């Protein structure tokens, strides 16, 4: 059961990272108007980071997602 939960979380992380890498800041801005004010302020600070930093964050998220997927797969088998 834990393996399946890890694989589902990993799939969401990988999908989010790929969307951030493919669409960049446009993807990160989608839905920010729906956030409460304190989260929106924090999110706008993140969006002001240089693009290479955002790409590194997305790759780190991708690596975490793939690692969780691998761990979940090994727990299922």
PDB file of N, CA and C in Angstrom:
ATOM      1  N   UNK A   1       0.819  -1.201   0.000  1.00  0.00           N
ATOM      2  CA  UNK A   1       0.000   0.000   0.000  1.00  0.00           C
ATOM      3  C   UNK A   1       0.862   1.263   0.000  1.00  0.00           C
ATOM      4  N   UNK A   2       1.927   1.238   0.805  1.00  0.00           N
ATOM      5  CA  UNK A   2       2.809   2.402   0.865  1.00  0.00           C
ATOM      6  C   UNK A   2       3.464   2.643  -0.487  1.00  0.00           C
ATOM      7  N   UNK A   3       3.799   1.565  -1.175  1.00  0.00           N
ATOM      8  CA  UNK A   3       4.412   1.695  -2.496  1.00  0.00           C
ATOM      9  C   UNK A   3       3.507   2.414  -3.475  1.00  0.00           C
ATOM     10  N   UNK A   4       2.221   2.089  -3.448  1.00  0.00           N
ATOM     11  CA  UNK A   4       1.274   2.750  -4.356  1.00  0.00           C
ATOM     12  C   UNK A   4       1.133   4.228  -4.016  1.00  0.00           C
ATOM     13  N   UNK A   5       1.105   4.553  -2.740  1.00  0.00           N
ATOM     14  CA  UNK A   5       0.998   5.962  -2.334  1.00  0.00           C
ATOM     15  C   UNK A   5       2.222   6.733  -2.805  1.00  0.00           C
ATOM     16  N   UNK A   6       3.409   6.131  -2.637  1.00  0.00           N
ATOM     17  CA  UNK A   6       4.634   6.788  -3.100  1.00  0.00           C
ATOM     18  C   UNK A   6       4.624   6.983  -4.611  1.00  0.00           C
ATOM     19  N   UNK A   7       4.119   6.002  -5.333  1.00  0.00           N
ATOM     20  CA  UNK A   7       4.091   6.124  -6.788  1.00  0.00           C
ATOM     21  C   UNK A   7       3.101   7.194  -7.242  1.00  0.00           C
ATOM     22  N   UNK A   8       1.983   7.326  -6.558  1.00  0.00           N
ATOM     23  CA  UNK A   8       1.019   8.377  -6.905  1.00  0.00           C
ATOM     24  C   UNK A   8       1.612   9.749  -6.618  1.00  0.00           C
ATOM     25  N   UNK A   9       2.244   9.905  -5.446  1.00  0.00           N
ATOM     26  CA  UNK A   9       2.889  11.185  -5.125  1.00  0.00           C
ATOM     27  C   UNK A   9       3.986  11.502  -6.137  1.00  0.00           C
ATOM     28  N   UNK A  10       4.749  10.484  -6.510  1.00  0.00           N
ATOM     29  CA  UNK A  10       5.827  10.678  -7.475  1.00  0.00           C
ATOM     30  C   UNK A  10       5.278  11.117  -8.823  1.00  0.00           C
ATOM     31  N   UNK A  11       4.176  10.533  -9.243  1.00  0.00           N
ATOM     32  CA  UNK A  11       3.582  10.908 -10.529  1.00  0.00           C
ATOM     33  C   UNK A  11       3.155  12.372 -10.532  1.00  0.00           C
ATOM     34  N   UNK A  12       2.582  12.821  -9.429  1.00  0.00           N
ATOM     35  CA  UNK A  12       2.182  14.229  -9.337  1.00  0.00           C
ATOM     36  C   UNK A  12       3.393  15.155  -9.356  1.00  0.00           C
ATOM     37  N   UNK A  13       4.452  14.784  -8.630  1.00  0.00           N
ATOM     38  CA  UNK A  13       5.663  15.608  -8.622  1.00  0.00           C
ATOM     39  C   UNK A  13       6.303  15.674 -10.003  1.00  0.00           C
ATOM     40  N   UNK A  14       6.388  14.539 -10.672  1.00  0.00           N
ATOM     41  CA  UNK A  14       7.001  14.504 -12.005  1.00  0.00           C
ATOM     42  C   UNK A  14       6.172  15.321 -12.988  1.00  0.00           C
ATOM     43  N   UNK A  15       4.860  15.184 -12.932  1.00  0.00           N
ATOM     44  CA  UNK A  15       4.000  15.954 -13.841  1.00  0.00           C
ATOM     45  C   UNK A  15       4.144  17.449 -13.589  1.00  0.00           C
ATOM     46  N   UNK A  16       4.194  17.847 -12.327  1.00  0.00           N
ATOM     47  CA  UNK A  16       4.355  19.262 -12.004  1.00  0.00           C
ATOM     48  C   UNK A  16       5.709  19.782 -12.478  1.00  0.00           C
ATOM     49  N   UNK A  17       6.756  18.998 -12.271  1.00  0.00           N
ATOM     50  CA  UNK A  17       8.088  19.424 -12.702  1.00  0.00           C
ATOM     51  C   UNK A  17       8.167  19.544 -14.221  1.00  0.00           C
ATOM     52  N   UNK A  18       7.584  18.590 -14.933  1.00  0.00           N
ATOM     53  CA  UNK A  18       7.616  18.659 -16.395  1.00  0.00           C
ATOM     54  C   UNK A  18       6.831  19.860 -16.921  1.00  0.00           C
ATOM     55  N   UNK A  19       5.694  20.146 -16.305  1.00  0.00           N
ATOM     56  CA  UNK A  19       4.918  21.323 -16.720  1.00  0.00           C
ATOM     57  C   UNK A  19       5.709  22.603 -16.462  1.00  0.00           C
ATOM     58  N   UNK A  20       6.394  22.675 -15.326  1.00  0.00           N
ATOM     59  CA  UNK A  20       7.201  23.857 -15.024  1.00  0.00           C
ATOM     60  C   UNK A  20       8.354  23.993 -16.013  1.00  0.00           C
ATOM     61  N   UNK A  21       8.957  22.874 -16.403  1.00  0.00           N
ATOM     62  CA  UNK A  21      10.060  22.938 -17.363  1.00  0.00           C
ATOM     63  C   UNK A  21       9.572  23.295 -18.763  1.00  0.00           C
ATOM     64  N   UNK A  22       8.421  22.781 -19.154  1.00  0.00           N
ATOM     65  CA  UNK A  22       7.915  23.035 -20.501  1.00  0.00           C
ATOM     66  C   UNK A  22       7.336  24.442 -20.662  1.00  0.00           C
ATOM     67  N   UNK A  23       6.586  24.902 -19.676  1.00  0.00           N
ATOM     68  CA  UNK A  23       5.874  26.170 -19.826  1.00  0.00           C
ATOM     69  C   UNK A  23       6.472  27.317 -19.020  1.00  0.00           C
ATOM     70  N   UNK A  24       7.403  27.041 -18.136  1.00  0.00           N
ATOM     71  CA  UNK A  24       8.106  28.087 -17.403  1.00  0.00           C
ATOM     72  C   UNK A  24       7.211  28.921 -16.499  1.00  0.00           C
ATOM     73  N   UNK A  25       7.441  30.225 -16.526  1.00  0.00           N
ATOM     74  CA  UNK A  25       6.720  31.136 -15.630  1.00  0.00           C
ATOM     75  C   UNK A  25       5.218  31.167 -15.904  1.00  0.00           C
ATOM     76  N   UNK A  26       4.823  30.934 -17.146  1.00  0.00           N
ATOM     77  CA  UNK A  26       3.377  30.921 -17.446  1.00  0.00           C
ATOM     78  C   UNK A  26       2.671  29.848 -16.637  1.00  0.00           C
ATOM     79  N   UNK A  27       3.263  28.675 -16.550  1.00  0.00           N
ATOM     80  CA  UNK A  27       2.659  27.596 -15.767  1.00  0.00           C
ATOM     81  C   UNK A  27       2.620  27.961 -14.287  1.00  0.00           C
ATOM     82  N   UNK A  28       3.691  28.597 -13.803  1.00  0.00           N
ATOM     83  CA  UNK A  28       3.752  28.943 -12.390  1.00  0.00           C
ATOM     84  C   UNK A  28       2.734  30.015 -12.021  1.00  0.00           C
ATOM     85  N   UNK A  29       2.325  30.830 -12.976  1.00  0.00           N
ATOM     86  CA  UNK A  29       1.349  31.887 -12.693  1.00  0.00           C
ATOM     87  C   UNK A  29      -0.099  31.400 -12.743  1.00  0.00           C
ATOM     88  N   UNK A  30      -0.347  30.263 -13.375  1.00  0.00           N
ATOM     89  CA  UNK A  30      -1.720  29.761 -13.490  1.00  0.00           C
ATOM     90  C   UNK A  30      -2.291  29.511 -12.101  1.00  0.00           C
ATOM     91  N   UNK A  31      -3.429  30.052 -11.830  1.00  0.00           N
ATOM     92  CA  UNK A  31      -4.116  29.793 -10.575  1.00  0.00           C
ATOM     93  C   UNK A  31      -3.680  30.636  -9.400  1.00  0.00           C
ATOM     94  N   UNK A  32      -2.717  31.545  -9.593  1.00  0.00           N
ATOM     95  CA  UNK A  32      -2.273  32.347  -8.451  1.00  0.00           C
ATOM     96  C   UNK A  32      -3.357  33.298  -7.965  1.00  0.00           C
ATOM     97  N   UNK A  33      -4.290  33.660  -8.821  1.00  0.00           N
ATOM     98  CA  UNK A  33      -5.366  34.549  -8.376  1.00  0.00           C
ATOM     99  C   UNK A  33      -6.310  33.835  -7.410  1.00  0.00           C
ATOM    100  N   UNK A  34      -6.270  32.513  -7.382  1.00  0.00           N
ATOM    101  CA  UNK A  34      -7.139  31.752  -6.488  1.00  0.00           C
ATOM    102  C   UNK A  34      -6.534  31.548  -5.102  1.00  0.00           C
ATOM    103  N   UNK A  35      -5.267  31.921  -4.939  1.00  0.00           N
ATOM    104  CA  UNK A  35      -4.589  31.704  -3.668  1.00  0.00           C
ATOM    105  C   UNK A  35      -4.925  32.802  -2.664  1.00  0.00           C
ATOM    106  N   UNK A  36      -4.869  32.489  -1.371  1.00  0.00           N
ATOM    107  CA  UNK A  36      -4.996  33.545  -0.363  1.00  0.00           C
ATOM    108  C   UNK A  36      -3.833  34.532  -0.475  1.00  0.00           C
ATOM    109  N   UNK A  37      -4.007  35.712   0.063  1.00  0.00           N
ATOM    110  CA  UNK A  37      -3.045  36.805  -0.119  1.00  0.00           C
ATOM    111  C   UNK A  37      -1.637  36.444   0.347  1.00  0.00           C
ATOM    112  N   UNK A  38      -1.492  35.812   1.523  1.00  0.00           N
ATOM    113  CA  UNK A  38      -0.142  35.530   2.033  1.00  0.00           C
ATOM    114  C   UNK A  38       0.592  34.530   1.150  1.00  0.00           C
ATOM    115  N   UNK A  39      -0.123  33.571   0.573  1.00  0.00           N
ATOM    116  CA  UNK A  39       0.514  32.631  -0.342  1.00  0.00           C
ATOM    117  C   UNK A  39       0.858  33.311  -1.665  1.00  0.00           C
ATOM    118  N   UNK A  40      -0.004  34.206  -2.112  1.00  0.00           N
ATOM    119  CA  UNK A  40       0.241  34.911  -3.367  1.00  0.00           C
ATOM    120  C   UNK A  40       1.502  35.761  -3.261  1.00  0.00           C
ATOM    121  N   UNK A  41       1.706  36.423  -2.122  1.00  0.00           N
ATOM    122  CA  UNK A  41       2.903  37.246  -1.928  1.00  0.00           C
ATOM    123  C   UNK A  41       4.150  36.367  -1.971  1.00  0.00           C
ATOM    124  N   UNK A  42       4.116  35.231  -1.276  1.00  0.00           N
ATOM    125  CA  UNK A  42       5.256  34.321  -1.278  1.00  0.00           C
ATOM    126  C   UNK A  42       5.513  33.785  -2.687  1.00  0.00           C
ATOM    127  N   UNK A  43       4.453  33.458  -3.398  1.00  0.00           N
ATOM    128  CA  UNK A  43       4.589  32.912  -4.741  1.00  0.00           C
ATOM    129  C   UNK A  43       5.166  33.942  -5.705  1.00  0.00           C
ATOM    130  N   UNK A  44       4.786  35.215  -5.544  1.00  0.00           N
ATOM    131  CA  UNK A  44       5.342  36.263  -6.400  1.00  0.00           C
ATOM    132  C   UNK A  44       6.826  36.448  -6.141  1.00  0.00           C
ATOM    133  N   UNK A  45       7.268  36.250  -4.903  1.00  0.00           N
ATOM    134  CA  UNK A  45       8.703  36.322  -4.607  1.00  0.00           C
ATOM    135  C   UNK A  45       9.446  35.181  -5.297  1.00  0.00           C
ATOM    136  N   UNK A  46       8.834  34.015  -5.316  1.00  0.00           N
ATOM    137  CA  UNK A  46       9.455  32.873  -5.998  1.00  0.00           C
ATOM    138  C   UNK A  46       9.545  33.139  -7.498  1.00  0.00           C
ATOM    139  N   UNK A  47       8.502  33.752  -8.061  1.00  0.00           N
ATOM    140  CA  UNK A  47       8.502  34.030  -9.499  1.00  0.00           C
ATOM    141  C   UNK A  47       9.552  35.057  -9.898  1.00  0.00           C
ATOM    142  N   UNK A  48      10.023  35.861  -8.951  1.00  0.00           N
ATOM    143  CA  UNK A  48      11.049  36.860  -9.253  1.00  0.00           C
ATOM    144  C   UNK A  48      12.451  36.263  -9.278  1.00  0.00           C
ATOM    145  N   UNK A  49      12.588  34.994  -8.903  1.00  0.00           N
ATOM    146  CA  UNK A  49      13.895  34.340  -8.968  1.00  0.00           C
ATOM    147  C   UNK A  49      14.341  34.237 -10.425  1.00  0.00           C
ATOM    148  N   UNK A  50      15.653  34.211 -10.667  1.00  0.00           N
ATOM    149  CA  UNK A  50      16.132  34.057 -12.045  1.00  0.00           C
ATOM    150  C   UNK A  50      15.679  32.722 -12.645  1.00  0.00           C
ATOM    151  N   UNK A  51      15.508  32.704 -13.939  1.00  0.00           N
ATOM    152  CA  UNK A  51      15.008  31.506 -14.619  1.00  0.00           C
ATOM    153  C   UNK A  51      15.899  30.284 -14.409  1.00  0.00           C
ATOM    154  N   UNK A  52      17.240  30.409 -14.430  1.00  0.00           N
ATOM    155  CA  UNK A  52      18.050  29.209 -14.157  1.00  0.00           C
ATOM    156  C   UNK A  52      17.777  28.604 -12.776  1.00  0.00           C
ATOM    157  N   UNK A  53      17.481  29.433 -11.799  1.00  0.00           N
ATOM    158  CA  UNK A  53      17.154  28.923 -10.464  1.00  0.00           C
ATOM    159  C   UNK A  53      15.836  28.166 -10.487  1.00  0.00           C
ATOM    160  N   UNK A  54      14.852  28.696 -11.200  1.00  0.00           N
ATOM    161  CA  UNK A  54      13.571  27.999 -11.317  1.00  0.00           C
ATOM    162  C   UNK A  54      13.727  26.664 -12.035  1.00  0.00           C
ATOM    163  N   UNK A  55      14.606  26.631 -13.032  1.00  0.00           N
ATOM    164  CA  UNK A  55      14.856  25.377 -13.753  1.00  0.00           C
ATOM    165  C   UNK A  55      15.527  24.356 -12.834  1.00  0.00           C
ATOM    166  N   UNK A  56      16.472  24.815 -12.006  1.00  0.00           N
ATOM    167  CA  UNK A  56      17.115  23.905 -11.058  1.00  0.00           C
ATOM    168  C   UNK A  56      16.118  23.354 -10.041  1.00  0.00           C
ATOM    169  N   UNK A  57      15.208  24.203  -9.585  1.00  0.00           N
ATOM    170  CA  UNK A  57      14.174  23.748  -8.650  1.00  0.00           C
ATOM    171  C   UNK A  57      13.295  22.690  -9.322  1.00  0.00           C
ATOM    172  N   UNK A  58      12.937  22.925 -10.581  1.00  0.00           N
ATOM    173  CA  UNK A  58      12.107  21.954 -11.305  1.00  0.00           C
ATOM    174  C   UNK A  58      12.849  20.632 -11.492  1.00  0.00           C
ATOM    175  N   UNK A  59      14.148  20.692 -11.796  1.00  0.00           N
ATOM    176  CA  UNK A  59      14.916  19.453 -11.936  1.00  0.00           C
ATOM    177  C   UNK A  59      15.051  18.723 -10.604  1.00  0.00           C
ATOM    178  N   UNK A  60      15.185  19.470  -9.512  1.00  0.00           N
ATOM    179  CA  UNK A  60      15.239  18.837  -8.191  1.00  0.00           C
ATOM    180  C   UNK A  60      13.909  18.149  -7.879  1.00  0.00           C
ATOM    181  N   UNK A  61      12.809  18.803  -8.226  1.00  0.00           N
ATOM    182  CA  UNK A  61      11.490  18.202  -8.023  1.00  0.00           C
ATOM    183  C   UNK A  61      11.327  16.952  -8.894  1.00  0.00           C
ATOM    184  N   UNK A  62      11.837  17.017 -10.111  1.00  0.00           N
ATOM    185  CA  UNK A  62      11.784  15.862 -11.008  1.00  0.00           C
ATOM    186  C   UNK A  62      12.598  14.697 -10.443  1.00  0.00           C
ATOM    187  N   UNK A  63      13.791  14.999  -9.933  1.00  0.00           N
ATOM    188  CA  UNK A  63      14.627  13.949  -9.347  1.00  0.00           C
ATOM    189  C   UNK A  63      13.960  13.330  -8.123  1.00  0.00           C
ATOM    190  N   UNK A  64      13.342  14.155  -7.294  1.00  0.00           N
ATOM    191  CA  UNK A  64      12.635  13.636  -6.125  1.00  0.00           C
ATOM    192  C   UNK A  64      11.470  12.746  -6.550  1.00  0.00           C
ATOM    193  N   UNK A  65      10.730  13.183  -7.547  1.00  0.00           N
ATOM    194  CA  UNK A  65       9.606  12.388  -8.032  1.00  0.00           C
ATOM    195  C   UNK A  65      10.046  11.050  -8.593  1.00  0.00           C
ATOM    196  N   UNK A  66      11.114  11.055  -9.373  1.00  0.00           N
ATOM    197  CA  UNK A  66      11.604   9.791  -9.935  1.00  0.00           C
ATOM    198  C   UNK A  66      12.149   8.869  -8.852  1.00  0.00           C
ATOM    199  N   UNK A  67      12.792   9.440  -7.839  1.00  0.00           N
ATOM    200  CA  UNK A  67      13.289   8.626  -6.727  1.00  0.00           C
ATOM    201  C   UNK A  67      12.143   7.992  -5.950  1.00  0.00           C
ATOM    202  N   UNK A  68      11.093   8.770  -5.695  1.00  0.00           N
ATOM    203  CA  UNK A  68       9.930   8.221  -4.999  1.00  0.00           C
ATOM    204  C   UNK A  68       9.253   7.134  -5.831  1.00  0.00           C
ATOM    205  N   UNK A  69       9.207   7.340  -7.137  1.00  0.00           N
ATOM    206  CA  UNK A  69       8.611   6.329  -8.016  1.00  0.00           C
ATOM    207  C   UNK A  69       9.418   5.039  -7.952  1.00  0.00           C
ATOM    208  N   UNK A  70      10.734   5.151  -7.996  1.00  0.00           N
ATOM    209  CA  UNK A  70      11.598   3.979  -7.912  1.00  0.00           C
ATOM    210  C   UNK A  70      11.409   3.263  -6.580  1.00  0.00           C
ATOM    211  N   UNK A  71      11.368   4.032  -5.488  1.00  0.00           N
ATOM    212  CA  UNK A  71      11.184   3.442  -4.168  1.00  0.00           C
ATOM    213  C   UNK A  71       9.820   2.757  -4.064  1.00  0.00           C
ATOM    214  N   UNK A  72       8.784   3.419  -4.551  1.00  0.00           N
ATOM    215  CA  UNK A  72       7.453   2.817  -4.529  1.00  0.00           C
ATOM    216  C   UNK A  72       7.388   1.545  -5.347  1.00  0.00           C
ATOM    217  N   UNK A  73       8.017   1.555  -6.520  1.00  0.00           N
ATOM    218  CA  UNK A  73       8.024   0.366  -7.381  1.00  0.00           C
ATOM    219  C   UNK A  73       8.719  -0.798  -6.683  1.00  0.00           C
ATOM    220  N   UNK A  74       9.830  -0.503  -6.000  1.00  0.00           N
ATOM    221  CA  UNK A  74      10.549  -1.570  -5.299  1.00  0.00           C
ATOM    222  C   UNK A  74       9.782  -2.071  -4.081  1.00  0.00           C
ATOM    223  N   UNK A  75       8.976  -1.235  -3.462  1.00  0.00           N
ATOM    224  CA  UNK A  75       8.167  -1.688  -2.331  1.00  0.00           C
ATOM    225  C   UNK A  75       7.003  -2.557  -2.786  1.00  0.00           C
ATOM    226  N   UNK A  76       6.513  -2.330  -3.997  1.00  0.00           N
ATOM    227  CA  UNK A  76       5.397  -3.123  -4.515  1.00  0.00           C
ATOM    228  C   UNK A  76       5.866  -4.524  -4.895  1.00  0.00           C
ATOM    229  N   UNK A  77       7.047  -4.621  -5.487  1.00  0.00           N
ATOM    230  CA  UNK A  77       7.526  -5.932  -5.954  1.00  0.00           C
ATOM    231  C   UNK A  77       7.927  -6.825  -4.835  1.00  0.00           C
TER     232      UNK A  77
END
